[in-house]
Amino acid sequence: MTITDSAGREVTIQMPVERIIVLNSDAAEAVTVLGAADKIVGISDSVKNKAYYFPALKNRQSVGKWNEPDYEMIGEIARSGDKIVPNIIVISYTYPDKPYGIIEVAKRLEPFTGITAIGLDFYKPENMTREIELLGKILGKEAEAQRFIEWYEEKQADVENAVANKNVPKVYVEWTSKGGELTTMGTGSGAAQLVSMARGYSIAKDLKDAYPKVGWEWVISKNPDVIIKRSTSTGLGWERPPSSDSVNLENTLNEVLSRSGAASVNAVKNNRVYVVNWEIMAGLDDVVGLTYLAKILHPDVNLDPESVYSEYLQFLGVKYPENRIFVYPEM
């Protein structure tokens, strides 16, 4: 089968695909959602670190870091001792300007027989349907792909209908804050697209880079109505307050609130600063994040993010966790 991947590369795959190596957790989610997790034989560290999403994959062979693959190990998996295992695909992010993007990955895998590298992202909402559909064809899982696409697009439409004609608040999304240097999410990032879909205006919309560095003074000058601080967890969400998780979340929130000049920002004055678990804001589950985001920006909309997340987890074969939260403070 000859396909065009998300990097615009024409790739010929030997069918049927017998084995899959995923170099990131977004690819692992996509393969799992389509019911082909049993074909995964190699995983990156980011997949191992998310055992709560991939309990069936925790003992699969590690192939290094998501941004620093172990190519020799990938080649060893393909060789399987003295025998070449046919029809292995390696799924990587496209990232054309990065050393761990598909161009470099494909180049580094050229010496090994029986391996085909494919660039698929699964983190950009505008490409999600096409990429899932394409992966469904590659894996012979067209029906499963169509089922997920119908669900995904239905949940997107629910948000679109709920926020139609709402006022558009200005939103600042903070990716990192280290040593006083802030990173936000600009054009090309999945989060910027989600903000727009949730009927918000990203104050970083006109910044060229996907993850541009900014100063706090710049944020103050833009006076956002809502501030969203990215955070992660070691499990599926955070334990509800009172808990050690909520203590840490409160500290994260207070760090933003106590910044110089923060009291003059609309988001702070109106108690609209939130810490959001980033698990739900990128990847196939970004429609869950979209639903939460719509509820953050427009509290009166009739949307149920927890129900959407529960339905998504069913695709992964994972039970929705009780007594867990994904946004702090709770809405």
Protein backbone atom coordinates (compact mmCIF):
# COMPACT_ATOMS: atom_id res chain seq x y z
CA MET A 1 0.00 0.00 0.00
CA THR A 2 1.32 3.45 -0.93
CA ILE A 3 0.19 6.33 1.27
CA THR A 4 1.07 9.98 1.84
CA ASP A 5 1.89 10.61 5.48
CA SER A 6 1.42 13.86 7.41
CA ALA A 7 4.89 15.06 6.44
CA GLY A 8 3.85 14.86 2.77
CA ARG A 9 6.09 11.81 2.19
CA GLU A 10 4.98 9.09 -0.18
CA VAL A 11 5.52 5.83 1.67
CA THR A 12 5.03 2.25 0.48
CA ILE A 13 4.06 -0.24 3.18
CA GLN A 14 4.28 -4.00 2.87
CA MET A 15 0.88 -5.43 3.80
CA PRO A 16 -0.40 -6.72 6.05
CA VAL A 17 1.36 -4.86 8.86
CA GLU A 18 2.60 -7.49 11.32
CA ARG A 19 4.28 -5.38 13.99
CA ILE A 20 4.12 -1.74 15.16
CA ILE A 21 6.62 0.42 17.04
CA VAL A 22 5.21 3.65 18.48
CA LEU A 23 7.63 6.47 19.27
CA ASN A 24 5.15 8.53 21.29
CA SER A 25 2.03 8.13 23.39
CA ASP A 26 -0.26 9.82 20.85
CA ALA A 27 0.55 7.11 18.31
CA ALA A 28 0.04 4.46 21.01
CA GLU A 29 -3.41 5.90 21.75
CA ALA A 30 -4.36 5.84 18.08
CA VAL A 31 -3.30 2.21 17.59
CA THR A 32 -5.03 1.17 20.83
CA VAL A 33 -8.27 2.99 19.99
CA LEU A 34 -8.38 1.10 16.67
CA GLY A 35 -8.02 -2.22 18.46
CA ALA A 36 -4.51 -3.09 17.26
CA ALA A 37 -2.53 -2.78 20.50
CA ASP A 38 -1.65 -6.48 20.25
CA LYS A 39 0.57 -5.63 17.25
CA ILE A 40 2.68 -3.12 19.22
CA VAL A 41 6.12 -4.61 19.95
CA GLY A 42 8.11 -1.48 20.83
CA ILE A 43 7.26 1.63 22.85
CA SER A 44 8.93 4.90 23.84
CA ASP A 45 9.42 6.10 27.40
CA SER A 46 6.37 8.36 27.16
CA VAL A 47 4.19 5.29 26.61
CA LYS A 48 5.74 3.43 29.55
CA ASN A 49 5.13 6.48 31.73
CA LYS A 50 1.40 6.35 30.96
CA ALA A 51 0.63 2.85 32.18
CA TYR A 52 -2.78 4.15 33.32
CA TYR A 53 -3.70 4.51 29.63
CA PHE A 54 -1.82 1.47 28.35
CA PRO A 55 -1.87 -1.31 30.98
CA ALA A 56 -1.47 -3.93 28.23
CA LEU A 57 1.71 -2.26 26.89
CA LYS A 58 3.71 -1.79 30.08
CA ASN A 59 5.89 -4.86 29.43
CA ARG A 60 6.58 -4.20 25.75
CA GLN A 61 10.16 -3.57 24.68
CA SER A 62 11.41 -0.03 25.31
CA VAL A 63 12.93 1.73 22.29
CA GLY A 64 14.28 4.77 24.14
CA LYS A 65 13.00 8.27 24.69
CA TRP A 66 10.24 9.75 22.55
CA ASN A 67 12.68 12.43 21.39
CA GLU A 68 15.76 10.20 21.33
CA PRO A 69 14.86 6.76 19.91
CA ASP A 70 17.20 3.79 20.26
CA TYR A 71 17.58 2.87 16.59
CA GLU A 72 19.75 -0.15 17.30
CA MET A 73 17.02 -1.57 19.52
CA ILE A 74 14.43 -0.95 16.81
CA GLY A 75 16.69 -2.78 14.38
CA GLU A 76 17.10 -5.64 16.86
CA ILE A 77 13.34 -6.00 17.14
CA ALA A 78 13.14 -6.19 13.36
CA ARG A 79 15.82 -8.86 13.23
CA SER A 80 14.30 -10.96 16.02
CA GLY A 81 17.51 -12.90 16.42
CA ASP A 82 18.73 -14.25 13.09
CA LYS A 83 15.36 -13.93 11.38
CA ILE A 84 13.96 -10.78 9.78
CA VAL A 85 10.46 -10.02 11.05
CA PRO A 86 8.57 -8.64 8.03
CA ASN A 87 6.20 -5.72 7.76
CA ILE A 88 7.10 -3.55 10.74
CA ILE A 89 5.97 0.07 10.81
CA VAL A 90 7.43 2.77 13.06
CA ILE A 91 5.09 5.69 13.79
CA SER A 92 6.75 9.02 14.58
CA TYR A 93 5.78 12.66 14.92
CA THR A 94 6.41 14.65 11.73
CA TYR A 95 8.36 17.59 13.28
CA PRO A 96 10.31 18.42 10.09
CA ASP A 97 12.79 20.70 11.89
CA LYS A 98 13.56 18.37 14.81
CA PRO A 99 16.18 15.59 15.11
CA TYR A 100 13.41 13.26 16.32
CA GLY A 101 11.03 14.09 13.46
CA ILE A 102 10.07 11.62 10.73
CA ILE A 103 12.73 12.74 8.22
CA GLU A 104 15.56 11.94 10.62
CA VAL A 105 13.82 8.82 11.96
CA ALA A 106 13.41 7.41 8.45
CA LYS A 107 17.01 8.24 7.59
CA ARG A 108 18.32 6.48 10.71
CA LEU A 109 16.22 3.38 10.00
CA GLU A 110 17.33 2.98 6.38
CA PRO A 111 20.09 0.44 7.23
CA PHE A 112 17.55 -1.98 8.72
CA THR A 113 15.49 -4.37 6.60
CA GLY A 114 11.73 -4.72 6.88
CA ILE A 115 11.01 -1.40 8.64
CA THR A 116 8.85 1.40 7.24
CA ALA A 117 8.74 4.77 9.03
CA ILE A 118 5.50 6.78 8.90
CA GLY A 119 4.94 10.36 10.09
CA LEU A 120 1.56 10.80 11.82
CA ASP A 121 0.98 13.32 14.62
CA PHE A 122 -2.44 12.69 16.25
CA TYR A 123 -2.25 15.96 18.20
CA LYS A 124 -3.58 18.55 15.74
CA PRO A 125 -7.39 18.72 15.75
CA GLU A 126 -7.63 19.75 12.10
CA ASN A 127 -5.73 16.64 10.98
CA MET A 128 -7.21 14.10 13.39
CA THR A 129 -9.94 12.68 11.17
CA ARG A 130 -7.62 12.23 8.19
CA GLU A 131 -4.88 10.61 10.26
CA ILE A 132 -7.22 8.19 12.03
CA GLU A 133 -8.79 7.26 8.71
CA LEU A 134 -5.37 6.66 7.18
CA LEU A 135 -4.18 4.56 10.12
CA GLY A 136 -7.38 2.53 9.86
CA LYS A 137 -6.53 1.69 6.24
CA ILE A 138 -2.92 0.81 7.11
CA LEU A 139 -4.01 -1.55 9.91
CA GLY A 140 -7.08 -2.98 8.20
CA LYS A 141 -9.26 -1.33 10.86
CA GLU A 142 -11.45 0.87 8.68
CA ALA A 143 -14.68 0.15 10.59
CA GLU A 144 -13.05 0.90 13.94
CA ALA A 145 -11.59 4.12 12.55
CA GLN A 146 -14.98 5.24 11.25
CA ARG A 147 -16.61 4.49 14.59
CA PHE A 148 -14.10 6.66 16.45
CA ILE A 149 -14.26 9.47 13.87
CA GLU A 150 -18.06 9.64 14.14
CA TRP A 151 -17.82 9.88 17.93
CA TYR A 152 -15.00 12.45 17.80
CA GLU A 153 -16.79 14.69 15.31
CA GLU A 154 -20.06 14.42 17.23
CA LYS A 155 -18.38 15.68 20.42
CA GLN A 156 -16.71 18.51 18.50
CA ALA A 157 -20.11 19.48 17.08
CA ASP A 158 -21.62 19.46 20.57
CA VAL A 159 -19.06 22.05 21.66
CA GLU A 160 -19.45 24.11 18.51
CA ASN A 161 -23.22 24.28 18.99
CA ALA A 162 -22.94 25.03 22.71
CA VAL A 163 -20.59 28.00 22.32
CA ALA A 164 -22.15 29.50 19.20
CA ASN A 165 -22.86 33.22 19.61
CA LYS A 166 -21.07 33.41 22.96
CA ASN A 167 -18.79 36.34 23.76
CA VAL A 168 -15.13 35.61 22.96
CA PRO A 169 -12.84 35.91 26.01
CA LYS A 170 -9.11 36.55 25.66
CA VAL A 171 -7.11 33.51 26.78
CA TYR A 172 -3.50 33.02 27.86
CA VAL A 173 -2.26 29.41 27.90
CA GLU A 174 1.02 28.87 29.74
CA TRP A 175 3.10 25.88 28.68
CA THR A 176 6.04 26.37 31.08
CA SER A 177 7.43 28.90 33.53
CA LYS A 178 11.04 28.27 34.44
CA GLY A 179 13.33 30.83 36.03
CA GLY A 180 11.00 33.65 35.14
CA GLU A 181 10.93 32.65 31.46
CA LEU A 182 7.45 31.82 30.19
CA THR A 183 6.45 29.69 27.22
CA THR A 184 2.99 29.98 25.72
CA MET A 185 1.25 28.22 22.84
CA GLY A 186 1.09 30.06 19.52
CA THR A 187 0.03 29.34 15.97
CA GLY A 188 0.57 25.71 15.03
CA SER A 189 0.03 24.32 18.52
CA GLY A 190 -2.90 22.06 19.22
CA ALA A 191 -3.94 24.15 22.24
CA ALA A 192 -4.26 27.32 20.17
CA GLN A 193 -6.63 25.49 17.85
CA LEU A 194 -8.68 24.19 20.79
CA VAL A 195 -9.01 27.70 22.25
CA SER A 196 -10.39 28.93 18.95
CA MET A 197 -12.79 25.98 18.65
CA ALA A 198 -14.04 26.67 22.19
CA ARG A 199 -14.78 30.26 21.11
CA GLY A 200 -11.87 31.92 22.82
CA TYR A 201 -9.21 34.29 21.51
CA SER A 202 -5.65 33.22 22.19
CA ILE A 203 -3.50 36.25 23.00
CA ALA A 204 -0.57 34.34 21.41
CA LYS A 205 -2.47 33.79 18.17
CA ASP A 206 -0.23 36.11 16.14
CA LEU A 207 3.06 34.74 17.48
CA LYS A 208 4.79 32.67 14.81
CA ASP A 209 6.27 29.82 16.81
CA ALA A 210 4.14 26.97 18.16
CA TYR A 211 5.72 27.42 21.61
CA PRO A 212 7.02 31.01 21.77
CA LYS A 213 8.75 32.49 24.79
CA VAL A 214 7.11 35.57 26.30
CA GLY A 215 7.47 37.83 29.33
CA TRP A 216 4.96 38.27 32.13
CA GLU A 217 4.84 41.98 31.31
CA TRP A 218 3.63 41.02 27.83
CA VAL A 219 0.87 38.89 29.35
CA ILE A 220 -0.20 41.79 31.57
CA SER A 221 -0.29 44.13 28.57
CA LYS A 222 -2.66 41.70 26.78
CA ASN A 223 -4.91 41.54 29.88
CA PRO A 224 -6.40 38.06 29.30
CA ASP A 225 -9.85 37.23 30.66
CA VAL A 226 -8.83 33.62 31.35
CA ILE A 227 -5.45 32.12 32.25
CA ILE A 228 -4.83 28.40 31.79
CA LYS A 229 -1.75 26.90 33.37
CA ARG A 230 -0.58 23.58 31.94
CA SER A 231 0.28 20.83 34.40
CA THR A 232 0.69 17.05 34.37
CA SER A 233 0.10 14.17 36.74
CA THR A 234 1.69 10.80 37.43
CA GLY A 235 -1.67 9.05 37.19
CA LEU A 236 -5.03 9.53 35.57
CA GLY A 237 -5.94 12.99 36.84
CA TRP A 238 -5.52 14.37 40.37
CA GLU A 239 -7.09 13.24 43.62
CA ARG A 240 -9.91 15.50 44.73
CA PRO A 241 -9.28 17.96 47.57
CA PRO A 242 -8.29 17.69 50.30
CA SER A 243 -5.25 15.75 49.10
CA SER A 244 -1.54 16.10 48.48
CA ASP A 245 -2.44 16.69 44.82
CA SER A 246 -4.65 19.65 45.71
CA VAL A 247 -1.90 21.14 47.89
CA ASN A 248 0.47 21.06 44.92
CA LEU A 249 -2.21 22.47 42.62
CA GLU A 250 -2.91 25.30 45.04
CA ASN A 251 0.80 26.12 45.12
CA THR A 252 0.88 26.16 41.31
CA LEU A 253 -2.15 28.44 41.22
CA ASN A 254 -0.73 30.79 43.85
CA GLU A 255 2.55 31.12 41.94
CA VAL A 256 0.60 32.70 39.09
CA LEU A 257 -1.62 34.82 41.34
CA SER A 258 1.35 36.22 43.25
CA ARG A 259 3.30 37.45 40.22
CA SER A 260 4.06 41.15 40.08
CA GLY A 261 1.12 43.06 38.64
CA ALA A 262 -1.14 39.99 38.50
CA ALA A 263 -3.87 41.75 40.48
CA SER A 264 -4.47 44.09 37.52
CA VAL A 265 -5.24 41.25 35.09
CA ASN A 266 -8.91 40.51 34.40
CA ALA A 267 -8.41 36.75 34.78
CA VAL A 268 -7.04 37.23 38.29
CA LYS A 269 -9.58 39.87 39.32
CA ASN A 270 -12.45 37.62 38.25
CA ASN A 271 -11.06 34.33 39.64
CA ARG A 272 -10.64 32.80 36.21
CA VAL A 273 -7.18 31.26 36.54
CA TYR A 274 -7.14 27.46 36.15
CA VAL A 275 -4.63 24.63 36.28
CA VAL A 276 -5.49 22.06 33.60
CA ASN A 277 -4.24 18.50 33.35
CA TRP A 278 -2.56 18.40 29.95
CA GLU A 279 -3.33 14.75 29.34
CA ILE A 280 -6.71 15.77 27.97
CA MET A 281 -5.48 18.69 25.87
CA ALA A 282 -3.38 16.91 23.25
CA GLY A 283 -3.87 13.70 21.34
CA LEU A 284 -6.98 11.71 20.47
CA ASP A 285 -8.50 12.78 23.79
CA ASP A 286 -8.21 16.47 22.89
CA VAL A 287 -11.97 16.49 22.31
CA VAL A 288 -12.23 15.88 26.07
CA GLY A 289 -9.95 18.87 26.66
CA LEU A 290 -12.02 20.88 24.19
CA THR A 291 -15.16 20.15 26.19
CA TYR A 292 -13.49 21.14 29.48
CA LEU A 293 -12.10 24.27 27.80
CA ALA A 294 -15.53 25.29 26.51
CA LYS A 295 -16.87 24.92 30.05
CA ILE A 296 -14.00 27.02 31.45
CA LEU A 297 -14.51 29.82 28.91
CA HIS A 298 -18.32 29.67 28.98
CA PRO A 299 -19.42 28.27 32.38
CA ASP A 300 -23.13 28.32 31.53
CA VAL A 301 -22.94 25.97 28.52
CA ASN A 302 -24.74 22.64 28.77
CA LEU A 303 -21.76 20.31 28.38
CA ASP A 304 -20.60 17.35 30.49
CA PRO A 305 -16.81 16.89 30.17
CA GLU A 306 -16.71 13.95 32.59
CA SER A 307 -19.18 12.00 30.47
CA VAL A 308 -17.14 12.70 27.33
CA TYR A 309 -13.98 11.50 29.06
CA SER A 310 -15.68 8.35 30.29
CA GLU A 311 -16.77 7.55 26.73
CA TYR A 312 -13.26 8.17 25.42
CA LEU A 313 -11.67 5.88 27.98
CA GLN A 314 -13.99 3.09 26.81
CA PHE A 315 -12.15 3.20 23.46
CA LEU A 316 -8.92 2.49 25.37
CA GLY A 317 -10.52 -0.18 27.54
CA VAL A 318 -9.89 1.92 30.67
CA LYS A 319 -12.44 2.63 33.41
CA TYR A 320 -13.17 6.27 34.26
CA PRO A 321 -11.49 7.09 37.59
CA GLU A 322 -13.71 8.08 40.49
CA ASN A 323 -12.65 10.84 42.89
CA ARG A 324 -10.30 12.41 40.34
CA ILE A 325 -10.24 15.90 38.83
CA PHE A 326 -8.69 17.33 35.67
CA VAL A 327 -9.19 21.06 36.21
CA TYR A 328 -8.34 23.05 39.35
CA PRO A 329 -10.18 24.80 40.89
CA GLU A 330 -13.13 22.58 40.03
CA MET A 331 -15.79 24.28 37.99
